C-alpha atoms as a PDB file:
ATOM      1  CA  MET A   1       7.395   7.979   8.007  1.00  0.00           C
ATOM      2  CA  LYS A   2      10.206   5.978   6.686  1.00  0.00           C
ATOM      3  CA  ASN A   3      10.186   3.470   9.565  1.00  0.00           C
ATOM      4  CA  TRP A   4       6.575   2.754   9.295  1.00  0.00           C
ATOM      5  CA  THR A   5       6.763   2.520   5.386  1.00  0.00           C
ATOM      6  CA  LEU A   6       9.458  -0.124   5.686  1.00  0.00           C
ATOM      7  CA  LEU A   7       7.614  -1.923   8.401  1.00  0.00           C
ATOM      8  CA  PHE A   8       4.479  -2.033   6.213  1.00  0.00           C
ATOM      9  CA  LEU A   9       6.485  -3.170   3.205  1.00  0.00           C
ATOM     10  CA  ARG A  10       8.172  -5.955   5.164  1.00  0.00           C
ATOM     11  CA  ILE A  11       4.975  -7.216   6.758  1.00  0.00           C
ATOM     12  CA  SER A  12       3.163  -7.243   3.386  1.00  0.00           C
ATOM     13  CA  LEU A  13       5.912  -8.990   1.458  1.00  0.00           C
ATOM     14  CA  GLY A  14       6.671 -11.458   4.271  1.00  0.00           C
ATOM     15  CA  TRP A  15       2.966 -12.223   4.710  1.00  0.00           C
ATOM     16  CA  LEU A  16       2.684 -12.949   0.956  1.00  0.00           C
ATOM     17  CA  LEU A  17       5.305 -15.601   1.450  1.00  0.00           C
ATOM     18  CA  VAL A  18       3.359 -16.998   4.372  1.00  0.00           C
ATOM     19  CA  ILE A  19       0.234 -17.258   2.237  1.00  0.00           C
ATOM     20  CA  TRP A  20       2.018 -18.921  -0.759  1.00  0.00           C
ATOM     21  CA  GLY A  21       3.654 -21.350   1.618  1.00  0.00           C
ATOM     22  CA  ALA A  22       0.385 -22.240   3.319  1.00  0.00           C
ATOM     23  CA  ASP A  23      -1.120 -22.792  -0.104  1.00  0.00           C
ATOM     24  CA  LYS A  24       1.521 -25.481  -0.770  1.00  0.00           C
ATOM     25  CA  VAL A  25       1.087 -27.116   2.618  1.00  0.00           C
ATOM     26  CA  PHE A  26      -2.750 -27.158   2.820  1.00  0.00           C
ATOM     27  CA  ASN A  27      -4.000 -26.943  -0.820  1.00  0.00           C
ATOM     28  CA  LEU A  28      -1.855 -29.560  -2.597  1.00  0.00           C
ATOM     29  CA  GLU A  29      -4.033 -29.837  -5.735  1.00  0.00           C
ATOM     30  CA  HIS A  30      -3.854 -26.114  -6.393  1.00  0.00           C
ATOM     31  CA  SER A  31      -0.152 -26.152  -5.666  1.00  0.00           C
ATOM     32  CA  LYS A  32       0.425 -28.982  -8.147  1.00  0.00           C
ATOM     33  CA  ALA A  33      -1.534 -27.193 -10.757  1.00  0.00           C
ATOM     34  CA  VAL A  34       0.535 -24.004 -10.296  1.00  0.00           C
ATOM     35  CA  ALA A  35       3.817 -26.042 -10.276  1.00  0.00           C
ATOM     36  CA  ASN A  36       2.845 -27.754 -13.549  1.00  0.00           C
ATOM     37  CA  LYS A  37       1.759 -24.637 -15.299  1.00  0.00           C
ATOM     38  CA  PHE A  38       4.349 -22.132 -14.241  1.00  0.00           C
ATOM     39  CA  TYR A  39       7.299 -23.995 -12.806  1.00  0.00           C
ATOM     40  CA  PHE A  40       7.771 -26.999 -15.204  1.00  0.00           C
ATOM     41  CA  GLY A  41       6.352 -29.456 -12.790  1.00  0.00           C
ATOM     42  CA  VAL A  42       9.051 -28.912 -10.201  1.00  0.00           C
ATOM     43  CA  LEU A  43       8.074 -29.975  -6.600  1.00  0.00           C
ATOM     44  CA  THR A  44       4.797 -31.767  -7.653  1.00  0.00           C
ATOM     45  CA  LEU A  45       5.246 -34.509  -5.129  1.00  0.00           C
ATOM     46  CA  ASP A  46       3.003 -33.971  -2.134  1.00  0.00           C
ATOM     47  CA  SER A  47       5.901 -34.326   0.334  1.00  0.00           C
ATOM     48  CA  ALA A  48       8.151 -31.890  -1.652  1.00  0.00           C
ATOM     49  CA  LEU A  49       5.429 -29.258  -1.971  1.00  0.00           C
ATOM     50  CA  GLN A  50       4.659 -29.538   1.888  1.00  0.00           C
ATOM     51  CA  VAL A  51       8.372 -29.056   2.799  1.00  0.00           C
ATOM     52  CA  ALA A  52       8.833 -26.288   0.344  1.00  0.00           C
ATOM     53  CA  GLY A  53       5.620 -24.655   1.738  1.00  0.00           C
ATOM     54  CA  ALA A  54       6.867 -25.035   5.342  1.00  0.00           C
ATOM     55  CA  LEU A  55      10.172 -23.410   4.490  1.00  0.00           C
ATOM     56  CA  GLN A  56       8.375 -20.592   2.646  1.00  0.00           C
ATOM     57  CA  ILE A  57       6.208 -20.016   5.634  1.00  0.00           C
ATOM     58  CA  LEU A  58       9.255 -19.950   7.982  1.00  0.00           C
ATOM     59  CA  VAL A  59      11.107 -17.399   5.621  1.00  0.00           C
ATOM     60  CA  GLY A  60       7.888 -15.342   5.344  1.00  0.00           C
ATOM     61  CA  LEU A  61       7.470 -15.103   9.145  1.00  0.00           C
ATOM     62  CA  LEU A  62      11.081 -14.173   9.743  1.00  0.00           C
ATOM     63  CA  VAL A  63      10.692 -11.350   7.044  1.00  0.00           C
ATOM     64  CA  VAL A  64       7.553 -10.139   8.842  1.00  0.00           C
ATOM     65  CA  LEU A  65       9.396 -10.063  12.192  1.00  0.00           C
ATOM     66  CA  GLY A  66      12.583  -8.720  10.687  1.00  0.00           C
ATOM     67  CA  LEU A  67      14.864 -11.466  11.812  1.00  0.00           C
ATOM     68  CA  ALA A  68      17.907 -12.736  10.055  1.00  0.00           C
ATOM     69  CA  ARG A  69      17.353 -10.187   7.406  1.00  0.00           C
ATOM     70  CA  ARG A  70      20.565 -10.603   5.515  1.00  0.00           C
ATOM     71  CA  TRP A  71      19.577 -14.162   4.918  1.00  0.00           C
ATOM     72  CA  THR A  72      15.944 -14.038   4.718  1.00  0.00           C
ATOM     73  CA  TYR A  73      15.674 -10.885   2.369  1.00  0.00           C
ATOM     74  CA  SER A  74      17.988 -12.673  -0.051  1.00  0.00           C
ATOM     75  CA  VAL A  75      15.906 -15.866  -0.046  1.00  0.00           C
ATOM     76  CA  GLN A  76      12.715 -13.826  -0.461  1.00  0.00           C
ATOM     77  CA  LEU A  77      14.272 -12.048  -3.356  1.00  0.00           C
ATOM     78  CA  LEU A  78      15.121 -15.417  -4.975  1.00  0.00           C
ATOM     79  CA  LEU A  79      11.647 -16.750  -4.463  1.00  0.00           C
ATOM     80  CA  ASN A  80       9.990 -13.620  -5.856  1.00  0.00           C
ATOM     81  CA  ALA A  81      12.371 -13.642  -8.830  1.00  0.00           C
ATOM     82  CA  ALA A  82      11.407 -17.233  -9.658  1.00  0.00           C
ATOM     83  CA  SER A  83       7.691 -16.144  -9.532  1.00  0.00           C
ATOM     84  CA  LEU A  84       8.556 -13.106 -11.732  1.00  0.00           C
ATOM     85  CA  PHE A  85      10.337 -15.268 -14.199  1.00  0.00           C
ATOM     86  CA  ALA A  86       7.481 -17.720 -14.400  1.00  0.00           C
ATOM     87  CA  VAL A  87       5.014 -15.144 -15.413  1.00  0.00           C
ATOM     88  CA  MET A  88       7.454 -12.817 -17.308  1.00  0.00           C
ATOM     89  CA  LYS A  89       5.326 -12.750 -20.541  1.00  0.00           C
ATOM     90  CA  SER A  90       2.462 -11.270 -18.494  1.00  0.00           C
ATOM     91  CA  VAL A  91       4.779  -8.642 -17.206  1.00  0.00           C
ATOM     92  CA  VAL A  92       6.100  -7.744 -20.671  1.00  0.00           C
ATOM     93  CA  ASP A  93       2.697  -7.992 -22.310  1.00  0.00           C
ATOM     94  CA  PRO A  94       0.063  -7.739 -19.675  1.00  0.00           C
ATOM     95  CA  TRP A  95      -2.826  -7.458 -22.169  1.00  0.00           C
ATOM     96  CA  GLY A  96      -1.850 -10.395 -24.472  1.00  0.00           C
ATOM     97  CA  TRP A  97      -1.308  -8.220 -27.532  1.00  0.00           C
ATOM     98  CA  MET A  98       2.002 -10.232 -28.290  1.00  0.00           C
ATOM     99  CA  TYR A  99       1.952 -13.378 -26.125  1.00  0.00           C
ATOM    100  CA  GLU A 100      -1.002 -15.741 -25.888  1.00  0.00           C
ATOM    101  CA  GLY A 101      -1.902 -16.632 -22.257  1.00  0.00           C
ATOM    102  CA  SER A 102      -0.795 -13.410 -20.768  1.00  0.00           C
ATOM    103  CA  ASN A 103      -2.740 -12.145 -17.771  1.00  0.00           C
ATOM    104  CA  VAL A 104      -2.666  -8.488 -16.446  1.00  0.00           C
ATOM    105  CA  LEU A 105      -3.203  -9.875 -12.904  1.00  0.00           C
ATOM    106  CA  PHE A 106       0.424 -11.204 -12.920  1.00  0.00           C
ATOM    107  CA  TYR A 107       1.935  -7.793 -13.496  1.00  0.00           C
ATOM    108  CA  PRO A 108       2.155  -6.994  -9.826  1.00  0.00           C
ATOM    109  CA  SER A 109       4.888  -9.741  -9.745  1.00  0.00           C
ATOM    110  CA  LEU A 110       7.286  -6.933 -10.981  1.00  0.00           C
ATOM    111  CA  ILE A 111       6.173  -4.697  -8.109  1.00  0.00           C
ATOM    112  CA  ILE A 112       6.605  -7.451  -5.548  1.00  0.00           C
ATOM    113  CA  PHE A 113      10.180  -8.080  -6.926  1.00  0.00           C
ATOM    114  CA  ALA A 114      10.938  -4.355  -6.663  1.00  0.00           C
ATOM    115  CA  GLY A 115       9.637  -4.310  -3.105  1.00  0.00           C
ATOM    116  CA  SER A 116      11.924  -7.042  -2.227  1.00  0.00           C
ATOM    117  CA  LEU A 117      14.856  -5.085  -3.722  1.00  0.00           C
ATOM    118  CA  VAL A 118      13.806  -1.925  -1.681  1.00  0.00           C
ATOM    119  CA  LEU A 119      13.927  -4.093   1.519  1.00  0.00           C
ATOM    120  CA  ILE A 120      17.534  -5.096   0.770  1.00  0.00           C
ATOM    121  CA  ALA A 121      18.605  -1.570  -0.195  1.00  0.00           C
ATOM    122  CA  PHE A 122      17.077  -0.050   2.924  1.00  0.00           C
ATOM    123  CA  ARG A 123      17.800  -2.917   5.451  1.00  0.00           C
ATOM    124  CA  ASP A 124      20.061  -0.813   7.490  1.00  0.00           C
ATOM    125  CA  GLN A 125      17.414   1.891   7.898  1.00  0.00           C
ATOM    126  CA  ASP A 126      14.646  -0.426   9.073  1.00  0.00           C
ATOM    127  CA  ARG A 127      14.533   0.514  12.750  1.00  0.00           C
ATOM    128  CA  LEU A 128      11.443  -1.411  13.571  1.00  0.00           C
ATOM    129  CA  ALA A 129      12.802  -4.863  12.711  1.00  0.00           C
ATOM    130  CA  LEU A 130      13.362  -7.179  15.545  1.00  0.00           C
ATOM    131  CA  ASP A 131      17.022  -7.664  14.597  1.00  0.00           C
ATOM    132  CA  THR A 132      17.465  -3.916  15.538  1.00  0.00           C
ATOM    133  CA  PHE A 133      16.019  -4.441  18.945  1.00  0.00           C
ATOM    134  CA  ARG A 134      17.939  -7.679  19.494  1.00  0.00           C
ATOM    135  CA  HIS A 135      21.362  -6.201  18.499  1.00  0.00           C
ATOM    136  CA  GLY A 136      20.759  -2.541  19.041  1.00  0.00           C
ATOM    137  CA  ASP A 137      22.346  -1.535  15.658  1.00  0.00           C
ATOM    138  CA  SER A 138      20.554  -2.325  12.346  1.00  0.00           C
ATOM    139  CA  SER A 139      23.627  -1.484  10.280  1.00  0.00           C
ATOM    140  CA  ARG A 140      25.220  -4.850  11.145  1.00  0.00           C
ATOM    141  CA  ARG A 141      22.536  -6.943   9.424  1.00  0.00           C
END
């Protein structure tokens, strides 16, 4: 059960990065609006968004496949931490009782971040990652 659970978690979290990256590559207007609202306007140039999106897609695919996990899981954690930080007031106050502009739909950012930590914590026990099959021993990743 643990192997399949880690596989499902890895695929779902990695695919989320792919979706977010694809949005940056193919939906520039939406990506600019998100960058302006939540990330202080960082990466609002079309070319910067597309490069960031392509890199995010690459990281997401590597996470899905379970390749280069020591590196990709750390990058995933940083990306998800940035997203969590950007919507922190919605995590602290999902119903907007204290902070104006809170949105209960952003609360899952905390769960996504926690899932990223779980992947790191159990990386050596993920027997269905491609790294495991390539190297024969997942404890080295």
